[in-house]
Amino acid sequence: MIQPMLQEILRLGGMPVSLADHAHFTGGDPVFQTPFRIAVTGAAALGAVGLMLAQLRELQSGARSDVLVDARSAAVSMRSTYYILVDGKPGRNPPESVGGFYRTASGRMIYFHCNFPWHQEAILRVLKVPADCAKVAEAVSRWDCFELEAAVEEAGACAPVVRTREEWAALPNTATLAREPLVEIRKIGDSKPMALAPEGRPLSGMRVLDFTRVIAGPSCCRLLAEYGADVLKIGSKRRPDSAANETDTAYGKRKAILDLRSPDGRAQLDELVRRCDVFCQAYRRGAMSGLGFSPERVAELRPGIVYTSLTAFGYTGPWAGHRGFDTVVQPASGMAMLQGGSLDTPELTPVSALDYLAGYLMTFGTLVALKRRAEFGGSYSVNVSLARVCEWLLSQGLIPADQVKATPKDLRGDELAPMLVTVPSPLGQLTRMRPVIRFSDGAYSDLPPWRAFHVPRAVWSSAAPVC
């Protein structure tokens, strides 16, 4: 069933579906204890990325290659943070203090997303309790579930009510979501065609600004870095990234700090944009525009830019401005109910499927736009949302419960070992996943060297020429 999904993705990018004949797959579901078809959807999305890389490589050098993807490895890639080691030690995130599922006064369950401390602080302000799980549970038990969901959203955090699929389908935002494409690629300006670098990896010479956090957007930019782009991640002193996620998704990137609330920081970003090829951001709708970096203005600063955006709940509906993450969309959409078996026993999936699928589809859309730019010119906007990815994943149907129960919770060490590699990095000896996408001629089987991470200034590397 991978080929029809791959053909669907290719059609969304305006690519000929016959390209799917050049992608070959092994393995399938189930890989972990989840009813969702994560392996085959992940393989289809990564297959589409691989085909576009092959297309760019053919434009660049005339070389042709088929794409090979193992679906089991694609599933493992959706929890790759679990397997990260630095100098042999795991890089886990600190445990969340009060995150998790709680029962409200109406008997319905609600989920508190507390991956970032400022989100937890907002929830605790609403509840008027300290960071103590027992006190949080007591306070939650006095709230109506939907009133608490709205109050936390208003306070600037995330607390989705655990819904059924039917309840989710009845929301006005879900009807709007159904009209949005899985990947939207839209021309937003004109420019002359821009040739690819004559040698190197398919994205050699490309410059990417990474304004993303957690997993989905950072995974997109990591793939761009692995295939040759100079990726500059812009971080914030005020709101730092989580260490374990960043260790996993930062490979090949350089990171600098900019304060976009200051005139000087925005002026520096103006200069970076003028010499940029891809602007990747995952802030709420309107946030970047409010700082002066809407897709249209960025395209004026840099004709030929590809502006790639991620949202949680879509980019046109009434929830388009809501905060959200993979673990927020899961409870709201009915996924957590399906994973746990009932509204009373919701669970999160053992993989971050929405995050990684979204990241892979963002990469696909970005590569399609870069190919169009190389051939015809133009500036492009690429849009992907976690909730729309959720609908696509669930549309593939569920794995029978007996098959899920018979599946081990994780792969054995001997099964994982061929999927992992240890390489030198600025952080130390880094153990991480090998590239899941393989090419039939053996190209790019190895990771490129990663020589720098934290850098003193937000500037482009002199090694990356302007396209």
Protein backbone atom coordinates (compact mmCIF):
# COMPACT_ATOMS: atom_id res chain seq x y z
CA MET A 1 0.00 0.00 0.00
CA ILE A 2 3.02 2.34 0.00
CA GLN A 3 2.99 3.07 -3.73
CA PRO A 4 -0.54 4.63 -3.79
CA MET A 5 0.42 6.91 -0.88
CA LEU A 6 3.64 7.89 -2.63
CA GLN A 7 1.72 8.65 -5.83
CA GLU A 8 -0.69 10.85 -3.84
CA ILE A 9 2.21 12.87 -2.44
CA LEU A 10 3.81 13.23 -5.87
CA ARG A 11 0.51 14.49 -7.34
CA LEU A 12 0.32 17.13 -4.61
CA GLY A 13 3.73 18.36 -5.74
CA GLY A 14 2.72 18.41 -9.38
CA MET A 15 5.21 15.63 -10.09
CA PRO A 16 4.48 12.74 -12.48
CA VAL A 17 3.19 9.70 -10.59
CA SER A 18 5.42 7.54 -12.83
CA LEU A 19 8.32 8.70 -10.63
CA ALA A 20 7.00 6.29 -8.00
CA ASP A 21 8.32 3.42 -10.16
CA HIS A 22 11.81 4.55 -9.15
CA ALA A 23 11.15 4.07 -5.42
CA HIS A 24 11.49 0.62 -3.85
CA PHE A 25 10.36 -0.41 -0.36
CA THR A 26 10.91 -3.21 2.13
CA GLY A 27 9.15 -3.98 5.41
CA GLY A 28 5.84 -2.79 6.77
CA ASP A 29 3.58 -2.43 9.81
CA PRO A 30 3.32 -3.09 12.68
CA VAL A 31 6.69 -2.11 14.11
CA PHE A 32 5.59 -0.69 17.48
CA GLN A 33 2.46 -1.12 19.59
CA THR A 34 0.20 1.34 17.84
CA PRO A 35 -2.81 0.79 15.56
CA PHE A 36 -1.65 3.53 13.18
CA ARG A 37 0.18 2.67 9.96
CA ILE A 38 3.29 4.65 10.78
CA ALA A 39 5.80 2.51 8.88
CA VAL A 40 4.11 2.65 5.49
CA THR A 41 3.18 6.34 5.71
CA GLY A 42 6.69 7.20 6.88
CA ALA A 43 8.18 5.17 4.04
CA ALA A 44 5.93 6.91 1.49
CA ALA A 45 6.86 10.38 2.78
CA LEU A 46 10.58 9.60 2.87
CA GLY A 47 10.33 7.95 -0.55
CA ALA A 48 8.90 11.21 -1.90
CA VAL A 49 11.78 13.16 -0.33
CA GLY A 50 14.28 10.74 -1.86
CA LEU A 51 12.73 11.02 -5.31
CA MET A 52 12.93 14.81 -5.18
CA LEU A 53 16.57 14.66 -4.08
CA ALA A 54 17.21 12.36 -7.03
CA GLN A 55 15.44 14.84 -9.32
CA LEU A 56 17.61 17.72 -8.08
CA ARG A 57 20.72 15.59 -8.44
CA GLU A 58 19.76 14.79 -12.04
CA LEU A 59 19.29 18.50 -12.76
CA GLN A 60 22.64 19.18 -11.12
CA SER A 61 24.83 16.51 -12.69
CA GLY A 62 22.77 14.27 -14.95
CA ALA A 63 23.18 11.32 -12.55
CA ARG A 64 20.15 9.06 -12.18
CA SER A 65 19.38 6.81 -9.25
CA ASP A 66 16.47 4.88 -7.80
CA VAL A 67 15.43 5.36 -4.17
CA LEU A 68 15.37 2.62 -1.52
CA VAL A 69 13.46 2.94 1.79
CA ASP A 70 12.95 0.35 4.54
CA ALA A 71 9.58 0.90 6.21
CA ARG A 72 10.77 -0.47 9.56
CA SER A 73 13.59 2.06 9.58
CA ALA A 74 11.08 4.78 8.67
CA ALA A 75 9.02 3.84 11.73
CA VAL A 76 12.10 3.83 13.97
CA SER A 77 13.03 7.28 12.66
CA MET A 78 9.82 8.57 14.26
CA ARG A 79 11.24 7.97 17.72
CA SER A 80 14.88 8.58 16.90
CA THR A 81 15.36 10.72 20.02
CA TYR A 82 15.10 7.51 22.09
CA TYR A 83 18.27 6.16 20.50
CA ILE A 84 20.49 9.25 20.68
CA LEU A 85 23.74 8.83 22.63
CA VAL A 86 26.45 11.41 23.24
CA ASP A 87 29.72 9.76 24.29
CA GLY A 88 27.70 6.64 25.06
CA LYS A 89 25.20 8.39 27.33
CA PRO A 90 21.50 8.99 26.55
CA GLY A 91 20.37 12.58 26.06
CA ARG A 92 16.91 12.45 27.61
CA ASN A 93 14.71 15.45 28.21
CA PRO A 94 14.06 16.20 31.90
CA PRO A 95 10.79 14.65 33.11
CA GLU A 96 7.74 16.84 32.87
CA SER A 97 6.53 17.94 36.27
CA VAL A 98 2.76 17.96 35.76
CA GLY A 99 2.27 16.98 32.11
CA GLY A 100 -0.15 14.19 31.28
CA PHE A 101 -3.82 13.20 31.33
CA TYR A 102 -6.22 14.36 34.08
CA ARG A 103 -9.92 13.78 34.79
CA THR A 104 -12.18 16.84 34.95
CA ALA A 105 -15.42 17.47 36.85
CA SER A 106 -17.46 16.23 33.89
CA GLY A 107 -15.58 12.94 33.93
CA ARG A 108 -13.82 13.75 30.65
CA MET A 109 -10.05 13.56 30.32
CA ILE A 110 -7.82 16.49 29.43
CA TYR A 111 -4.14 16.53 28.50
CA PHE A 112 -1.56 19.04 29.74
CA HIS A 113 1.34 19.70 27.37
CA CYS A 114 4.27 20.74 29.57
CA ASN A 115 7.32 20.13 27.39
CA PHE A 116 8.28 23.77 27.81
CA PRO A 117 8.42 25.31 31.31
CA TRP A 118 6.54 28.45 30.22
CA HIS A 119 3.59 26.32 29.11
CA GLN A 120 3.49 24.55 32.46
CA GLU A 121 3.69 27.86 34.28
CA ALA A 122 0.68 29.15 32.33
CA ILE A 123 -1.36 26.05 33.20
CA LEU A 124 -0.47 26.37 36.89
CA ARG A 125 -1.54 30.02 36.83
CA VAL A 126 -4.94 29.02 35.49
CA LEU A 127 -5.33 26.30 38.13
CA LYS A 128 -3.83 28.48 40.92
CA VAL A 129 -1.75 25.59 42.30
CA PRO A 130 1.98 24.78 42.56
CA ALA A 131 3.77 22.18 40.44
CA ASP A 132 2.44 19.20 42.37
CA CYS A 133 0.61 16.45 40.46
CA ALA A 134 -1.81 15.67 43.31
CA LYS A 135 -2.79 19.32 43.71
CA VAL A 136 -3.09 19.72 39.96
CA ALA A 137 -5.39 16.69 39.77
CA GLU A 138 -7.55 18.06 42.60
CA ALA A 139 -7.84 21.45 40.90
CA VAL A 140 -8.64 19.89 37.52
CA SER A 141 -11.42 17.79 39.09
CA ARG A 142 -13.36 21.02 39.76
CA TRP A 143 -13.26 22.27 36.16
CA ASP A 144 -15.49 21.56 33.19
CA CYS A 145 -13.22 20.06 30.53
CA PHE A 146 -14.07 22.46 27.70
CA GLU A 147 -13.94 25.53 29.95
CA LEU A 148 -10.48 24.49 31.15
CA GLU A 149 -9.32 23.86 27.57
CA ALA A 150 -10.41 27.38 26.60
CA ALA A 151 -8.90 28.99 29.71
CA VAL A 152 -5.50 27.38 29.14
CA GLU A 153 -5.53 28.40 25.47
CA GLU A 154 -6.30 31.96 26.51
CA ALA A 155 -3.40 31.82 29.00
CA GLY A 156 -0.96 30.88 26.22
CA ALA A 157 -0.58 27.13 26.75
CA CYS A 158 -2.06 23.84 25.52
CA ALA A 159 -4.60 21.56 27.24
CA PRO A 160 -6.70 19.65 24.70
CA VAL A 161 -9.79 17.73 25.77
CA VAL A 162 -9.59 14.06 24.80
CA ARG A 163 -12.13 13.74 22.00
CA THR A 164 -13.60 10.93 19.95
CA ARG A 165 -13.12 10.93 16.22
CA GLU A 166 -16.79 11.87 15.85
CA GLU A 167 -16.42 14.88 18.15
CA TRP A 168 -13.33 15.98 16.27
CA ALA A 169 -15.11 15.62 12.93
CA ALA A 170 -17.97 17.82 14.18
CA LEU A 171 -15.69 20.79 14.91
CA PRO A 172 -15.84 23.65 12.37
CA ASN A 173 -12.06 23.64 12.09
CA THR A 174 -12.04 20.00 10.98
CA ALA A 175 -14.39 20.72 8.10
CA THR A 176 -12.04 23.51 7.00
CA LEU A 177 -9.05 21.24 7.43
CA ALA A 178 -10.52 18.71 5.01
CA ARG A 179 -10.33 21.31 2.23
CA GLU A 180 -6.63 21.98 2.79
CA PRO A 181 -4.09 19.95 0.82
CA LEU A 182 -1.71 17.68 2.70
CA VAL A 183 1.12 19.80 1.29
CA GLU A 184 0.40 23.21 -0.23
CA ILE A 185 3.00 24.61 -2.65
CA ARG A 186 2.06 28.06 -3.94
CA LYS A 187 3.93 30.61 -6.02
CA ILE A 188 4.06 33.98 -4.24
CA GLY A 189 6.48 35.99 -6.39
CA ASP A 190 8.66 36.12 -9.46
CA SER A 191 12.38 35.63 -9.89
CA LYS A 192 14.75 34.45 -12.55
CA PRO A 193 15.60 30.71 -12.59
CA MET A 194 18.41 29.86 -10.18
CA ALA A 195 20.75 27.05 -11.14
CA LEU A 196 21.82 24.42 -8.66
CA ALA A 197 25.45 24.15 -7.58
CA PRO A 198 27.38 22.25 -10.28
CA GLU A 199 28.77 19.69 -7.85
CA GLY A 200 28.46 18.31 -4.35
CA ARG A 201 25.32 17.11 -2.64
CA PRO A 202 21.94 18.00 -4.19
CA LEU A 203 21.51 21.01 -1.87
CA SER A 204 25.11 22.22 -1.85
CA GLY A 205 25.22 26.02 -1.89
CA MET A 206 21.69 26.37 -0.49
CA ARG A 207 21.20 28.55 2.57
CA VAL A 208 18.41 27.75 5.02
CA LEU A 209 17.13 29.81 7.96
CA ASP A 210 15.63 27.51 10.59
CA PHE A 211 13.03 29.14 12.86
CA THR A 212 11.53 25.89 14.14
CA ARG A 213 11.33 24.05 17.43
CA VAL A 214 10.89 20.56 18.88
CA ILE A 215 10.70 17.92 16.09
CA ALA A 216 8.73 18.53 12.89
CA GLY A 217 10.35 21.69 11.51
CA PRO A 218 13.81 20.84 12.90
CA SER A 219 13.62 17.43 11.21
CA CYS A 220 12.87 19.09 7.89
CA CYS A 221 15.88 21.37 8.25
CA ARG A 222 18.08 18.50 9.42
CA LEU A 223 17.31 16.63 6.18
CA LEU A 224 18.17 19.74 4.18
CA ALA A 225 21.50 19.96 6.05
CA GLU A 226 22.28 16.29 5.51
CA TYR A 227 21.95 16.75 1.76
CA GLY A 228 24.23 19.75 1.53
CA ALA A 229 22.46 22.92 2.69
CA ASP A 230 24.06 25.45 5.04
CA VAL A 231 21.38 25.53 7.76
CA LEU A 232 21.53 28.35 10.30
CA LYS A 233 19.19 27.71 13.23
CA ILE A 234 18.10 30.87 15.00
CA GLY A 235 17.59 30.36 18.72
CA SER A 236 16.33 32.45 21.62
CA LYS A 237 17.95 33.07 24.99
CA ARG A 238 14.52 33.72 26.45
CA ARG A 239 13.04 30.37 25.39
CA PRO A 240 15.71 27.72 24.81
CA ASP A 241 15.12 24.46 22.98
CA SER A 242 14.88 21.09 24.73
CA ALA A 243 18.33 19.49 24.82
CA ALA A 244 17.48 15.92 23.74
CA ASN A 245 15.32 16.94 20.81
CA GLU A 246 17.90 19.43 19.64
CA THR A 247 20.69 16.85 19.84
CA ASP A 248 18.65 14.64 17.52
CA THR A 249 17.52 17.28 15.04
CA ALA A 250 20.54 19.61 14.93
CA TYR A 251 22.90 17.42 12.92
CA GLY A 252 24.78 19.46 10.33
CA LYS A 253 23.35 22.80 11.47
CA ARG A 254 24.95 25.89 12.91
CA LYS A 255 23.07 27.75 15.64
CA ALA A 256 23.13 31.42 16.60
CA ILE A 257 21.02 33.65 18.84
CA LEU A 258 18.99 36.61 17.54
CA ASP A 259 16.54 38.78 19.45
CA LEU A 260 13.83 39.48 16.88
CA ARG A 261 12.03 41.77 19.33
CA SER A 262 14.85 44.28 18.92
CA PRO A 263 15.37 46.56 15.88
CA ASP A 264 18.97 45.38 15.63
CA GLY A 265 17.94 41.72 15.60
CA ARG A 266 15.37 42.34 12.87
CA ALA A 267 17.92 44.29 10.83
CA GLN A 268 20.35 41.38 11.09
CA LEU A 269 17.63 39.03 9.93
CA ASP A 270 16.91 41.28 6.95
CA GLU A 271 20.52 40.81 5.84
CA LEU A 272 20.40 37.06 6.36
CA VAL A 273 17.18 36.79 4.34
CA ARG A 274 18.67 38.69 1.40
CA ARG A 275 21.21 35.87 0.93
CA CYS A 276 18.92 32.98 1.81
CA ASP A 277 17.21 30.23 -0.22
CA VAL A 278 14.81 28.66 2.29
CA PHE A 279 13.05 30.35 5.22
CA CYS A 280 11.57 27.61 7.45
CA GLN A 281 9.35 28.61 10.37
CA ALA A 282 6.89 26.92 12.73
CA TYR A 283 5.46 29.78 14.79
CA ARG A 284 1.74 30.38 15.20
CA ARG A 285 -0.06 32.05 12.31
CA GLY A 286 0.71 35.75 12.26
CA ALA A 287 3.70 35.60 14.60
CA MET A 288 6.36 36.03 11.92
CA SER A 289 4.23 38.53 10.03
CA GLY A 290 3.96 40.58 13.21
CA LEU A 291 7.74 40.76 13.34
CA GLY A 292 7.87 41.90 9.71
CA PHE A 293 8.74 38.57 8.10
CA SER A 294 5.59 37.44 6.32
CA PRO A 295 6.01 35.24 3.22
CA GLU A 296 5.28 38.22 0.97
CA ARG A 297 7.83 40.54 2.61
CA VAL A 298 10.49 37.85 2.72
CA ALA A 299 9.89 37.25 -1.01
CA GLU A 300 10.39 40.99 -1.61
CA LEU A 301 13.68 40.92 0.33
CA ARG A 302 14.85 37.79 -1.47
CA PRO A 303 13.15 37.02 -4.80
CA GLY A 304 13.39 33.27 -5.29
CA ILE A 305 12.90 32.38 -1.62
CA VAL A 306 11.09 29.22 -0.53
CA TYR A 307 9.06 30.04 2.61
CA THR A 308 8.14 26.79 4.39
CA SER A 309 5.65 26.92 7.29
CA LEU A 310 4.25 24.46 9.80
CA THR A 311 1.07 24.99 11.81
CA ALA A 312 -0.68 22.75 14.32
CA PHE A 313 -4.35 22.90 13.31
CA GLY A 314 -4.22 24.09 9.70
CA TYR A 315 -3.70 27.46 8.10
CA THR A 316 -7.22 28.57 7.13
CA GLY A 317 -9.71 27.45 9.80
CA PRO A 318 -10.89 28.93 13.13
CA TRP A 319 -8.16 27.04 15.02
CA ALA A 320 -5.40 28.20 12.67
CA GLY A 321 -3.97 30.50 15.33
CA HIS A 322 -4.04 27.91 18.14
CA ARG A 323 -0.85 26.63 19.67
CA GLY A 324 -0.20 22.96 19.16
CA PHE A 325 2.24 20.09 19.01
CA ASP A 326 2.09 16.41 18.09
CA THR A 327 1.02 15.53 21.64
CA VAL A 328 -1.67 18.22 21.54
CA VAL A 329 -3.20 17.15 18.23
CA GLN A 330 -3.32 13.50 19.33
CA PRO A 331 -5.82 14.01 22.21
CA ALA A 332 -7.87 16.62 20.36
CA SER A 333 -8.25 14.56 17.17
CA GLY A 334 -9.24 11.20 18.66
CA MET A 335 -5.83 9.59 18.15
CA ALA A 336 -5.16 9.29 21.90
CA MET A 337 -8.55 7.66 22.41
CA LEU A 338 -7.84 5.14 19.65
CA GLN A 339 -4.33 4.46 20.97
CA GLY A 340 -5.57 3.85 24.52
CA GLY A 341 -8.80 2.07 23.58
CA SER A 342 -11.36 4.41 25.15
CA LEU A 343 -12.05 7.97 26.30
CA ASP A 344 -11.28 6.86 29.88
CA THR A 345 -7.87 5.35 29.04
CA PRO A 346 -6.24 7.65 26.47
CA GLU A 347 -2.59 7.17 25.57
CA LEU A 348 -0.04 8.90 23.40
CA THR A 349 1.50 6.92 20.58
CA PRO A 350 4.94 5.36 21.12
CA VAL A 351 6.29 7.43 18.22
CA SER A 352 5.96 11.10 17.26
CA ALA A 353 4.37 10.18 13.94
CA LEU A 354 2.64 13.50 13.29
CA ASP A 355 5.83 15.45 13.93
CA TYR A 356 8.05 13.35 11.72
CA LEU A 357 5.54 12.86 8.92
CA ALA A 358 4.98 16.62 8.88
CA GLY A 359 8.74 17.23 8.82
CA TYR A 360 9.21 14.82 5.91
CA LEU A 361 6.35 16.41 3.97
CA MET A 362 7.75 19.90 4.64
CA THR A 363 11.02 18.68 3.16
CA PHE A 364 9.24 17.25 0.11
CA GLY A 365 7.38 20.53 -0.50
CA THR A 366 10.58 22.53 -0.09
CA LEU A 367 12.44 20.35 -2.59
CA VAL A 368 9.60 20.60 -5.13
CA ALA A 369 9.70 24.40 -4.80
CA LEU A 370 13.49 24.45 -5.24
CA LYS A 371 13.16 22.34 -8.38
CA ARG A 372 10.53 24.74 -9.78
CA ARG A 373 12.79 27.67 -8.93
CA ALA A 374 15.73 26.06 -10.70
CA GLU A 375 13.70 25.40 -13.84
CA PHE A 376 11.24 28.31 -14.01
CA GLY A 377 12.16 30.82 -11.29
CA GLY A 378 9.78 32.18 -8.69
CA SER A 379 9.29 32.50 -4.94
CA TYR A 380 7.16 29.85 -3.23
CA SER A 381 5.18 29.27 -0.05
CA VAL A 382 4.99 25.72 1.34
CA ASN A 383 2.41 24.89 4.04
CA VAL A 384 1.97 21.74 6.14
CA SER A 385 -0.07 21.20 9.32
CA LEU A 386 0.07 18.53 12.01
CA ALA A 387 -3.72 18.13 12.07
CA ARG A 388 -3.96 17.62 8.31
CA VAL A 389 -1.15 15.05 8.54
CA CYS A 390 -3.17 13.36 11.30
CA GLU A 391 -6.18 13.06 8.99
CA TRP A 392 -4.00 11.59 6.25
CA LEU A 393 -2.45 9.05 8.62
CA LEU A 394 -5.80 7.91 9.97
CA SER A 395 -7.30 7.71 6.48
CA GLN A 396 -4.98 4.75 5.83
CA GLY A 397 -7.00 2.62 8.26
CA LEU A 398 -6.05 0.88 11.51
CA ILE A 399 -3.97 -2.23 12.12
CA PRO A 400 -6.02 -5.06 13.70
CA ALA A 401 -5.78 -5.10 17.50
CA ASP A 402 -4.44 -8.67 17.71
CA GLN A 403 -1.49 -7.74 15.49
CA VAL A 404 -0.74 -4.65 17.59
CA LYS A 405 -0.82 -6.62 20.86
CA ALA A 406 1.55 -9.23 19.44
CA THR A 407 4.13 -6.59 18.51
CA PRO A 408 7.06 -5.95 20.93
CA LYS A 409 7.23 -2.49 22.51
CA ASP A 410 10.64 -1.83 20.96
CA LEU A 411 13.09 -3.43 18.59
CA ARG A 412 15.82 -5.66 19.98
CA GLY A 413 19.35 -4.34 20.18
CA ASP A 414 20.49 -6.51 17.29
CA GLU A 415 17.62 -5.18 15.16
CA LEU A 416 18.44 -1.55 15.97
CA ALA A 417 22.22 -1.81 15.58
CA PRO A 418 22.27 -1.76 11.73
CA MET A 419 20.08 1.36 11.77
CA LEU A 420 22.50 3.34 13.99
CA VAL A 421 25.86 4.95 13.41
CA THR A 422 28.39 6.70 15.67
CA VAL A 423 30.07 9.80 14.26
CA PRO A 424 32.17 12.68 15.64
CA SER A 425 30.24 15.85 16.34
CA PRO A 426 30.67 19.19 18.14
CA LEU A 427 28.80 17.59 21.06
CA GLY A 428 31.05 14.52 21.29
CA GLN A 429 30.80 11.03 19.80
CA LEU A 430 27.21 11.02 18.60
CA THR A 431 25.20 7.84 18.09
CA ARG A 432 22.14 8.45 15.91
CA MET A 433 20.17 6.91 13.07
CA ARG A 434 21.74 6.32 9.70
CA PRO A 435 20.00 8.03 6.77
CA VAL A 436 16.79 6.08 6.04
CA ILE A 437 16.75 7.18 2.39
CA ARG A 438 19.16 5.14 0.29
CA PHE A 439 20.09 5.53 -3.36
CA SER A 440 20.64 2.62 -5.73
CA ASP A 441 24.07 3.85 -6.82
CA GLY A 442 25.26 4.16 -3.20
CA ALA A 443 25.32 7.96 -3.18
CA TYR A 444 25.02 9.78 0.17
CA SER A 445 24.98 6.59 2.22
CA ASP A 446 27.19 8.33 4.78
CA LEU A 447 26.43 11.46 6.77
CA PRO A 448 28.39 14.59 5.87
CA PRO A 449 30.81 15.84 8.56
CA TRP A 450 29.33 18.10 11.25
CA ARG A 451 32.02 20.52 12.36
CA ALA A 452 30.22 23.41 14.06
CA PHE A 453 27.09 23.91 16.13
CA HIS A 454 26.91 26.96 18.40
CA VAL A 455 28.48 29.90 16.57
CA PRO A 456 29.14 33.40 17.92
CA ARG A 457 27.29 35.35 15.23
CA ALA A 458 24.33 34.87 12.92
CA VAL A 459 26.19 34.97 9.60
CA TRP A 460 26.31 32.75 6.55
CA SER A 461 29.24 30.43 6.07
CA SER A 462 31.67 31.72 3.49
CA ALA A 463 31.81 28.19 2.10
CA ALA A 464 28.24 28.41 0.83
CA PRO A 465 28.06 30.57 -2.33
CA VAL A 466 24.99 32.65 -3.11
CA CYS A 467 22.73 30.85 -5.59
